[in-house]
Amino acid sequence: MAIHPELHRLPDGPVLSPIYAYTTQETAGEVTLLHCHDAAQLFHVVRGSLAIDTERGTFFVPPERAVWMPPRFAHETRYLTQSEVRYLYISRSVAARLPQEPRILQMTALLRELILAYMTYPRAQTVSGPAARIGEVILDQLDLLPAQGLELPLPVEGRLRGVCEAIVQDPAKAPVLADAAAACALSVRSFERRIQAETGLSYRSWCRQAKLFRALELLASGDSVSDVAFRLGYEGPSAFVSTFRKAFGVTPGRYFDTVARS
């Protein structure tokens, strides 16, 4: 099935259908600065990888995953590699029945084919008829798919968030627990309790997740496993590979090939 040529550009005016589609290719390093849409947005990453930064944290989207972004949710998109992305924009009234928080979704073969079938129609033919019925099934699938754990949540409280944002910039220099607590003017026990409450993770687990997210970005950019292990402060490549395998189920060298075939 071939995507309709019209869908390679954004619509010039209002769209009557509650769902409209768009596909594009983005170059590595491209950044779409902080913005939001009145409509909800589904990013299906066909090839490549991207990271989406929000006030709640960062979402990493490798090949054959999708990210759901609710209406009016501010986000900044960073394309880590040359990427092919298919977008669905879903009106606020329709999106009200879908999750109201961003989430990463594992693409199923069914959802992939439904989106591709929907994109064979020009936008004028998606208001009713076969395309509209395909759109309804897509919405049902989006409501059923479980969220994937490819999120790095950020705390809201000012000093705690400041510590975490500094770690995101350079995970290899994450302060030890006592120093992180002192930077927030908290006891170690209070600090651990606060970060657990705000992120759902212990400080140690959060730092490990921050390192893994940076590792995914570096690997997506073509860095070798050895270089990534060195840059992120692991004891060596074997220690990095072991941690990566525990988190993602495969070695770093096979990760992107595996998700692209899923």
C-alpha atoms as a PDB file:
ATOM      1  CA  MET A   1       0.000   0.000   0.000  1.00  0.00           C
ATOM      2  CA  ALA A   2       1.307   3.433  -0.946  1.00  0.00           C
ATOM      3  CA  ILE A   3       0.764   6.528   1.159  1.00  0.00           C
ATOM      4  CA  HIS A   4      -1.361   9.093  -0.656  1.00  0.00           C
ATOM      5  CA  PRO A   5       0.872  11.901  -2.024  1.00  0.00           C
ATOM      6  CA  GLU A   6      -1.222  14.562  -0.272  1.00  0.00           C
ATOM      7  CA  LEU A   7      -0.117  13.224   3.129  1.00  0.00           C
ATOM      8  CA  HIS A   8       3.511  14.182   2.540  1.00  0.00           C
ATOM      9  CA  ARG A   9       2.587  17.757   3.423  1.00  0.00           C
ATOM     10  CA  LEU A  10       0.542  19.312   6.200  1.00  0.00           C
ATOM     11  CA  PRO A  11      -3.008  20.460   5.318  1.00  0.00           C
ATOM     12  CA  ASP A  12      -3.351  23.982   3.979  1.00  0.00           C
ATOM     13  CA  GLY A  13      -6.607  24.673   5.840  1.00  0.00           C
ATOM     14  CA  PRO A  14      -9.175  23.156   8.216  1.00  0.00           C
ATOM     15  CA  VAL A  15      -9.692  19.377   8.129  1.00  0.00           C
ATOM     16  CA  LEU A  16     -13.211  18.019   8.630  1.00  0.00           C
ATOM     17  CA  SER A  17     -12.155  14.529   9.691  1.00  0.00           C
ATOM     18  CA  PRO A  18     -11.473  13.972  13.430  1.00  0.00           C
ATOM     19  CA  ILE A  19      -8.197  12.265  12.422  1.00  0.00           C
ATOM     20  CA  TYR A  20      -5.772  13.495   9.821  1.00  0.00           C
ATOM     21  CA  ALA A  21      -2.448  11.982   8.834  1.00  0.00           C
ATOM     22  CA  TYR A  22       0.927  13.316   7.783  1.00  0.00           C
ATOM     23  CA  THR A  23       4.270  11.664   7.039  1.00  0.00           C
ATOM     24  CA  THR A  24       7.745  13.140   6.781  1.00  0.00           C
ATOM     25  CA  GLN A  25      11.433  12.437   7.084  1.00  0.00           C
ATOM     26  CA  GLU A  26      13.579  14.418   9.489  1.00  0.00           C
ATOM     27  CA  THR A  27      17.343  14.812   9.469  1.00  0.00           C
ATOM     28  CA  ALA A  28      19.540  13.857  12.410  1.00  0.00           C
ATOM     29  CA  GLY A  29      19.915  16.744  14.831  1.00  0.00           C
ATOM     30  CA  GLU A  30      16.686  18.479  13.783  1.00  0.00           C
ATOM     31  CA  VAL A  31      14.811  20.023  16.738  1.00  0.00           C
ATOM     32  CA  THR A  32      11.179  21.112  16.875  1.00  0.00           C
ATOM     33  CA  LEU A  33      11.179  23.682  19.669  1.00  0.00           C
ATOM     34  CA  LEU A  34       8.734  23.682  22.575  1.00  0.00           C
ATOM     35  CA  HIS A  35       5.150  23.857  21.309  1.00  0.00           C
ATOM     36  CA  CYS A  36       1.740  22.232  21.671  1.00  0.00           C
ATOM     37  CA  HIS A  37      -1.243  21.364  19.491  1.00  0.00           C
ATOM     38  CA  ASP A  38      -4.982  21.680  20.009  1.00  0.00           C
ATOM     39  CA  ALA A  39      -5.213  18.123  18.683  1.00  0.00           C
ATOM     40  CA  ALA A  40      -3.682  15.019  20.200  1.00  0.00           C
ATOM     41  CA  GLN A  41      -0.721  13.603  18.322  1.00  0.00           C
ATOM     42  CA  LEU A  42       0.548  10.091  17.659  1.00  0.00           C
ATOM     43  CA  PHE A  43       4.147   9.793  16.432  1.00  0.00           C
ATOM     44  CA  HIS A  44       4.853   6.431  14.773  1.00  0.00           C
ATOM     45  CA  VAL A  45       8.614   6.117  14.262  1.00  0.00           C
ATOM     46  CA  VAL A  46       9.044   3.865  11.238  1.00  0.00           C
ATOM     47  CA  ARG A  47      12.810   4.319  11.003  1.00  0.00           C
ATOM     48  CA  GLY A  48      15.245   6.278  13.127  1.00  0.00           C
ATOM     49  CA  SER A  49      14.827   7.499  16.683  1.00  0.00           C
ATOM     50  CA  LEU A  50      13.769  10.618  18.522  1.00  0.00           C
ATOM     51  CA  ALA A  51      13.495  12.035  22.028  1.00  0.00           C
ATOM     52  CA  ILE A  52      10.571  14.122  23.253  1.00  0.00           C
ATOM     53  CA  ASP A  53      11.106  16.457  26.198  1.00  0.00           C
ATOM     54  CA  THR A  54       8.117  17.519  28.309  1.00  0.00           C
ATOM     55  CA  GLU A  55       7.604  19.075  31.729  1.00  0.00           C
ATOM     56  CA  ARG A  56       6.974  15.550  33.042  1.00  0.00           C
ATOM     57  CA  GLY A  57      10.235  14.155  31.687  1.00  0.00           C
ATOM     58  CA  THR A  58      11.813  12.754  28.541  1.00  0.00           C
ATOM     59  CA  PHE A  59      10.414  10.030  26.295  1.00  0.00           C
ATOM     60  CA  PHE A  60      12.770   8.039  24.073  1.00  0.00           C
ATOM     61  CA  VAL A  61      11.193   6.643  20.901  1.00  0.00           C
ATOM     62  CA  PRO A  62      13.171   3.996  18.975  1.00  0.00           C
ATOM     63  CA  PRO A  63      12.024   2.381  15.694  1.00  0.00           C
ATOM     64  CA  GLU A  64       8.604   0.727  15.639  1.00  0.00           C
ATOM     65  CA  ARG A  65       7.448   2.456  18.797  1.00  0.00           C
ATOM     66  CA  ALA A  66       4.978   5.309  18.961  1.00  0.00           C
ATOM     67  CA  VAL A  67       4.454   8.148  21.385  1.00  0.00           C
ATOM     68  CA  TRP A  68       1.013   9.412  22.342  1.00  0.00           C
ATOM     69  CA  MET A  69       0.849  13.135  23.100  1.00  0.00           C
ATOM     70  CA  PRO A  70      -2.464  14.460  24.502  1.00  0.00           C
ATOM     71  CA  PRO A  71      -3.928  17.760  23.293  1.00  0.00           C
ATOM     72  CA  ARG A  72      -2.273  20.985  24.455  1.00  0.00           C
ATOM     73  CA  PHE A  73       0.634  19.141  26.076  1.00  0.00           C
ATOM     74  CA  ALA A  74       3.828  21.167  25.517  1.00  0.00           C
ATOM     75  CA  HIS A  75       6.737  19.199  24.099  1.00  0.00           C
ATOM     76  CA  GLU A  76      10.032  19.580  22.256  1.00  0.00           C
ATOM     77  CA  THR A  77      11.125  16.941  19.751  1.00  0.00           C
ATOM     78  CA  ARG A  78      14.748  16.038  19.041  1.00  0.00           C
ATOM     79  CA  TYR A  79      15.439  13.771  16.060  1.00  0.00           C
ATOM     80  CA  LEU A  80      18.474  11.727  17.079  1.00  0.00           C
ATOM     81  CA  THR A  81      19.003  10.054  13.703  1.00  0.00           C
ATOM     82  CA  GLN A  82      17.601  10.332  10.182  1.00  0.00           C
ATOM     83  CA  SER A  83      13.991   9.430  10.912  1.00  0.00           C
ATOM     84  CA  GLU A  84      10.847   8.515   9.021  1.00  0.00           C
ATOM     85  CA  VAL A  85       7.777   9.367  11.069  1.00  0.00           C
ATOM     86  CA  ARG A  86       4.049   8.955  10.464  1.00  0.00           C
ATOM     87  CA  TYR A  87       1.816  11.287  12.442  1.00  0.00           C
ATOM     88  CA  LEU A  88      -1.852  11.098  13.305  1.00  0.00           C
ATOM     89  CA  TYR A  89      -3.528  14.245  14.626  1.00  0.00           C
ATOM     90  CA  ILE A  90      -6.709  13.479  16.589  1.00  0.00           C
ATOM     91  CA  SER A  91      -9.246  16.165  17.490  1.00  0.00           C
ATOM     92  CA  ARG A  92      -9.647  17.115  21.150  1.00  0.00           C
ATOM     93  CA  SER A  93     -13.241  15.899  21.308  1.00  0.00           C
ATOM     94  CA  VAL A  94     -12.284  12.448  20.062  1.00  0.00           C
ATOM     95  CA  ALA A  95      -9.049  12.312  22.096  1.00  0.00           C
ATOM     96  CA  ALA A  96     -11.036  12.861  25.291  1.00  0.00           C
ATOM     97  CA  ARG A  97     -11.701   9.113  25.408  1.00  0.00           C
ATOM     98  CA  LEU A  98      -7.980   8.310  25.181  1.00  0.00           C
ATOM     99  CA  PRO A  99      -5.166   8.628  27.781  1.00  0.00           C
ATOM    100  CA  GLN A 100      -4.557  12.169  29.028  1.00  0.00           C
ATOM    101  CA  GLU A 101      -0.860  11.628  29.774  1.00  0.00           C
ATOM    102  CA  PRO A 102       1.994  11.121  27.289  1.00  0.00           C
ATOM    103  CA  ARG A 103       3.067   7.512  26.861  1.00  0.00           C
ATOM    104  CA  ILE A 104       5.240   5.293  24.699  1.00  0.00           C
ATOM    105  CA  LEU A 105       3.401   2.508  22.880  1.00  0.00           C
ATOM    106  CA  GLN A 106       4.690  -0.707  21.334  1.00  0.00           C
ATOM    107  CA  MET A 107       3.465  -0.806  17.747  1.00  0.00           C
ATOM    108  CA  THR A 108       1.620  -3.992  16.876  1.00  0.00           C
ATOM    109  CA  ALA A 109       1.436  -5.413  13.365  1.00  0.00           C
ATOM    110  CA  LEU A 110      -2.298  -4.650  13.368  1.00  0.00           C
ATOM    111  CA  LEU A 111      -1.916  -0.982  14.347  1.00  0.00           C
ATOM    112  CA  ARG A 112       0.937  -0.516  11.872  1.00  0.00           C
ATOM    113  CA  GLU A 113      -1.182  -1.847   9.009  1.00  0.00           C
ATOM    114  CA  LEU A 114      -4.252   0.138  10.093  1.00  0.00           C
ATOM    115  CA  ILE A 115      -2.287   3.393  10.041  1.00  0.00           C
ATOM    116  CA  LEU A 116      -0.779   2.564   6.660  1.00  0.00           C
ATOM    117  CA  ALA A 117      -4.227   1.689   5.249  1.00  0.00           C
ATOM    118  CA  TYR A 118      -5.651   4.956   6.621  1.00  0.00           C
ATOM    119  CA  MET A 119      -2.855   6.873   4.940  1.00  0.00           C
ATOM    120  CA  THR A 120      -3.719   5.540   1.478  1.00  0.00           C
ATOM    121  CA  TYR A 121      -6.786   7.819   1.467  1.00  0.00           C
ATOM    122  CA  PRO A 122      -6.758  11.551   0.689  1.00  0.00           C
ATOM    123  CA  ARG A 123      -7.922  13.618   3.650  1.00  0.00           C
ATOM    124  CA  ALA A 124     -11.246  14.496   2.039  1.00  0.00           C
ATOM    125  CA  GLN A 125     -12.180  10.800   2.008  1.00  0.00           C
ATOM    126  CA  THR A 126     -11.528  10.194   5.714  1.00  0.00           C
ATOM    127  CA  VAL A 127     -14.639  11.995   6.986  1.00  0.00           C
ATOM    128  CA  SER A 128     -16.897   9.001   6.303  1.00  0.00           C
ATOM    129  CA  GLY A 129     -16.875   5.631   4.596  1.00  0.00           C
ATOM    130  CA  PRO A 130     -14.129   2.961   4.783  1.00  0.00           C
ATOM    131  CA  ALA A 131     -11.372   5.334   5.944  1.00  0.00           C
ATOM    132  CA  ALA A 132     -13.517   6.654   8.804  1.00  0.00           C
ATOM    133  CA  ARG A 133     -14.209   3.085   9.919  1.00  0.00           C
ATOM    134  CA  ILE A 134     -10.465   2.333   9.865  1.00  0.00           C
ATOM    135  CA  GLY A 135      -9.951   5.455  11.976  1.00  0.00           C
ATOM    136  CA  GLU A 136     -12.383   4.152  14.599  1.00  0.00           C
ATOM    137  CA  VAL A 137     -10.471   0.877  14.856  1.00  0.00           C
ATOM    138  CA  ILE A 138      -7.208   2.834  15.239  1.00  0.00           C
ATOM    139  CA  LEU A 139      -8.733   4.718  18.172  1.00  0.00           C
ATOM    140  CA  ASP A 140      -9.821   1.444  19.774  1.00  0.00           C
ATOM    141  CA  GLN A 141      -6.300   0.051  19.416  1.00  0.00           C
ATOM    142  CA  LEU A 142      -4.722   3.156  20.951  1.00  0.00           C
ATOM    143  CA  ASP A 143      -6.944   2.737  23.993  1.00  0.00           C
ATOM    144  CA  LEU A 144      -5.908  -0.906  24.418  1.00  0.00           C
ATOM    145  CA  LEU A 145      -2.132  -0.776  23.964  1.00  0.00           C
ATOM    146  CA  PRO A 146      -0.075  -0.887  27.188  1.00  0.00           C
ATOM    147  CA  ALA A 147       2.496   1.812  27.889  1.00  0.00           C
ATOM    148  CA  GLN A 148       6.194   0.995  27.492  1.00  0.00           C
ATOM    149  CA  GLY A 149       8.812   1.928  30.092  1.00  0.00           C
ATOM    150  CA  LEU A 150      10.835   4.316  27.945  1.00  0.00           C
ATOM    151  CA  GLU A 151      10.305   7.402  30.067  1.00  0.00           C
ATOM    152  CA  LEU A 152      12.590   9.365  32.351  1.00  0.00           C
ATOM    153  CA  PRO A 153      10.225  11.229  34.739  1.00  0.00           C
ATOM    154  CA  LEU A 154      11.330  14.547  36.213  1.00  0.00           C
ATOM    155  CA  PRO A 155      10.282  15.789  39.671  1.00  0.00           C
ATOM    156  CA  VAL A 156       8.292  19.012  39.965  1.00  0.00           C
ATOM    157  CA  GLU A 157       9.793  20.541  43.137  1.00  0.00           C
ATOM    158  CA  GLY A 158      12.349  23.205  42.211  1.00  0.00           C
ATOM    159  CA  ARG A 159      15.578  22.098  43.909  1.00  0.00           C
ATOM    160  CA  LEU A 160      14.912  18.418  43.314  1.00  0.00           C
ATOM    161  CA  ARG A 161      14.190  19.113  39.658  1.00  0.00           C
ATOM    162  CA  GLY A 162      17.373  21.181  39.383  1.00  0.00           C
ATOM    163  CA  VAL A 163      19.498  18.297  40.637  1.00  0.00           C
ATOM    164  CA  CYS A 164      17.829  15.885  38.226  1.00  0.00           C
ATOM    165  CA  GLU A 165      18.099  18.214  35.241  1.00  0.00           C
ATOM    166  CA  ALA A 166      21.842  18.565  35.896  1.00  0.00           C
ATOM    167  CA  ILE A 167      22.158  14.775  35.934  1.00  0.00           C
ATOM    168  CA  VAL A 168      20.281  14.519  32.628  1.00  0.00           C
ATOM    169  CA  GLN A 169      22.875  16.832  31.075  1.00  0.00           C
ATOM    170  CA  ASP A 170      25.769  14.661  32.292  1.00  0.00           C
ATOM    171  CA  PRO A 171      24.706  11.346  33.872  1.00  0.00           C
ATOM    172  CA  ALA A 172      28.335  10.318  34.388  1.00  0.00           C
ATOM    173  CA  LYS A 173      28.674  13.082  36.994  1.00  0.00           C
ATOM    174  CA  ALA A 174      25.578  12.238  39.036  1.00  0.00           C
ATOM    175  CA  PRO A 175      26.294  13.159  42.684  1.00  0.00           C
ATOM    176  CA  VAL A 176      26.264  10.483  45.346  1.00  0.00           C
ATOM    177  CA  LEU A 177      23.063  10.229  47.356  1.00  0.00           C
ATOM    178  CA  ALA A 178      24.296  12.285  50.330  1.00  0.00           C
ATOM    179  CA  ASP A 179      25.486  15.134  48.079  1.00  0.00           C
ATOM    180  CA  ALA A 180      22.241  15.148  46.080  1.00  0.00           C
ATOM    181  CA  ALA A 181      20.243  15.358  49.317  1.00  0.00           C
ATOM    182  CA  ALA A 182      22.448  18.176  50.641  1.00  0.00           C
ATOM    183  CA  ALA A 183      21.948  20.136  47.411  1.00  0.00           C
ATOM    184  CA  CYS A 184      18.205  20.025  48.120  1.00  0.00           C
ATOM    185  CA  ALA A 185      18.658  20.934  51.820  1.00  0.00           C
ATOM    186  CA  LEU A 186      17.123  17.584  52.782  1.00  0.00           C
ATOM    187  CA  SER A 187      18.193  14.646  54.885  1.00  0.00           C
ATOM    188  CA  VAL A 188      19.060  11.524  52.914  1.00  0.00           C
ATOM    189  CA  ARG A 189      15.892   9.830  54.114  1.00  0.00           C
ATOM    190  CA  SER A 190      13.664  12.782  53.179  1.00  0.00           C
ATOM    191  CA  PHE A 191      15.372  13.137  49.808  1.00  0.00           C
ATOM    192  CA  GLU A 192      14.838   9.473  48.962  1.00  0.00           C
ATOM    193  CA  ARG A 193      11.208   9.684  50.022  1.00  0.00           C
ATOM    194  CA  ARG A 194      10.614  12.818  47.903  1.00  0.00           C
ATOM    195  CA  ILE A 195      12.228  11.529  44.728  1.00  0.00           C
ATOM    196  CA  GLN A 196      10.362   8.238  45.036  1.00  0.00           C
ATOM    197  CA  ALA A 197       7.070  10.087  45.449  1.00  0.00           C
ATOM    198  CA  GLU A 198       7.684  12.420  42.493  1.00  0.00           C
ATOM    199  CA  THR A 199       9.227  10.018  39.972  1.00  0.00           C
ATOM    200  CA  GLY A 200       8.184   6.555  41.111  1.00  0.00           C
ATOM    201  CA  LEU A 201      11.865   5.564  41.275  1.00  0.00           C
ATOM    202  CA  SER A 202      14.551   5.459  43.917  1.00  0.00           C
ATOM    203  CA  TYR A 203      17.449   7.877  43.416  1.00  0.00           C
ATOM    204  CA  ARG A 204      19.743   5.035  42.374  1.00  0.00           C
ATOM    205  CA  SER A 205      17.198   3.670  39.887  1.00  0.00           C
ATOM    206  CA  TRP A 206      16.523   7.145  38.507  1.00  0.00           C
ATOM    207  CA  CYS A 207      20.241   7.757  37.899  1.00  0.00           C
ATOM    208  CA  ARG A 208      20.559   4.361  36.237  1.00  0.00           C
ATOM    209  CA  GLN A 209      17.602   5.217  33.979  1.00  0.00           C
ATOM    210  CA  ALA A 210      19.174   8.592  33.123  1.00  0.00           C
ATOM    211  CA  LYS A 211      22.389   6.829  32.095  1.00  0.00           C
ATOM    212  CA  LEU A 212      20.492   4.327  29.959  1.00  0.00           C
ATOM    213  CA  PHE A 213      18.559   7.091  28.214  1.00  0.00           C
ATOM    214  CA  ARG A 214      21.748   8.900  27.356  1.00  0.00           C
ATOM    215  CA  ALA A 215      23.201   5.581  26.207  1.00  0.00           C
ATOM    216  CA  LEU A 216      20.270   5.118  23.820  1.00  0.00           C
ATOM    217  CA  GLU A 217      20.815   8.600  22.402  1.00  0.00           C
ATOM    218  CA  LEU A 218      24.541   7.995  21.901  1.00  0.00           C
ATOM    219  CA  LEU A 219      24.002   4.569  20.344  1.00  0.00           C
ATOM    220  CA  ALA A 220      21.346   5.990  18.031  1.00  0.00           C
ATOM    221  CA  SER A 221      23.890   8.602  16.941  1.00  0.00           C
ATOM    222  CA  GLY A 222      26.376   5.893  15.985  1.00  0.00           C
ATOM    223  CA  ASP A 223      28.707   5.814  18.993  1.00  0.00           C
ATOM    224  CA  SER A 224      30.298   2.454  19.743  1.00  0.00           C
ATOM    225  CA  VAL A 225      29.444   0.420  22.821  1.00  0.00           C
ATOM    226  CA  SER A 226      32.946   1.005  24.193  1.00  0.00           C
ATOM    227  CA  ASP A 227      32.735   4.771  23.693  1.00  0.00           C
ATOM    228  CA  VAL A 228      29.309   4.927  25.361  1.00  0.00           C
ATOM    229  CA  ALA A 229      30.500   2.893  28.329  1.00  0.00           C
ATOM    230  CA  PHE A 230      33.494   5.207  28.755  1.00  0.00           C
ATOM    231  CA  ARG A 231      31.510   8.448  28.381  1.00  0.00           C
ATOM    232  CA  LEU A 232      28.903   7.373  30.922  1.00  0.00           C
ATOM    233  CA  GLY A 233      31.336   6.229  33.575  1.00  0.00           C
ATOM    234  CA  TYR A 234      30.755   2.473  33.541  1.00  0.00           C
ATOM    235  CA  GLU A 235      33.599   0.285  34.790  1.00  0.00           C
ATOM    236  CA  GLY A 236      33.944  -1.098  31.284  1.00  0.00           C
ATOM    237  CA  PRO A 237      31.977  -2.234  28.229  1.00  0.00           C
ATOM    238  CA  SER A 238      30.980  -5.525  29.866  1.00  0.00           C
ATOM    239  CA  ALA A 239      29.422  -3.712  32.843  1.00  0.00           C
ATOM    240  CA  PHE A 240      27.498  -1.435  30.483  1.00  0.00           C
ATOM    241  CA  VAL A 241      26.310  -4.347  28.323  1.00  0.00           C
ATOM    242  CA  SER A 242      25.129  -6.237  31.420  1.00  0.00           C
ATOM    243  CA  THR A 243      23.132  -3.249  32.725  1.00  0.00           C
ATOM    244  CA  PHE A 244      21.675  -2.583  29.276  1.00  0.00           C
ATOM    245  CA  ARG A 245      20.615  -6.215  28.808  1.00  0.00           C
ATOM    246  CA  LYS A 246      18.864  -6.258  32.189  1.00  0.00           C
ATOM    247  CA  ALA A 247      16.900  -3.126  31.246  1.00  0.00           C
ATOM    248  CA  PHE A 248      16.008  -3.904  27.617  1.00  0.00           C
ATOM    249  CA  GLY A 249      16.369  -7.663  27.255  1.00  0.00           C
ATOM    250  CA  VAL A 250      19.027  -7.500  24.512  1.00  0.00           C
ATOM    251  CA  THR A 251      22.589  -6.266  24.140  1.00  0.00           C
ATOM    252  CA  PRO A 252      23.210  -2.681  22.919  1.00  0.00           C
ATOM    253  CA  GLY A 253      24.541  -3.991  19.617  1.00  0.00           C
ATOM    254  CA  ARG A 254      21.261  -5.765  18.850  1.00  0.00           C
ATOM    255  CA  TYR A 255      18.798  -3.310  20.356  1.00  0.00           C
ATOM    256  CA  PHE A 256      17.894  -1.204  17.329  1.00  0.00           C
ATOM    257  CA  ASP A 257      17.801  -4.195  14.968  1.00  0.00           C
ATOM    258  CA  THR A 258      15.493  -5.996  17.396  1.00  0.00           C
ATOM    259  CA  VAL A 259      12.968  -3.172  17.812  1.00  0.00           C
ATOM    260  CA  ALA A 260      12.961  -2.508  14.072  1.00  0.00           C
ATOM    261  CA  ARG A 261      11.855  -6.099  13.446  1.00  0.00           C
ATOM    262  CA  SER A 262       9.275  -6.214  16.273  1.00  0.00           C
END
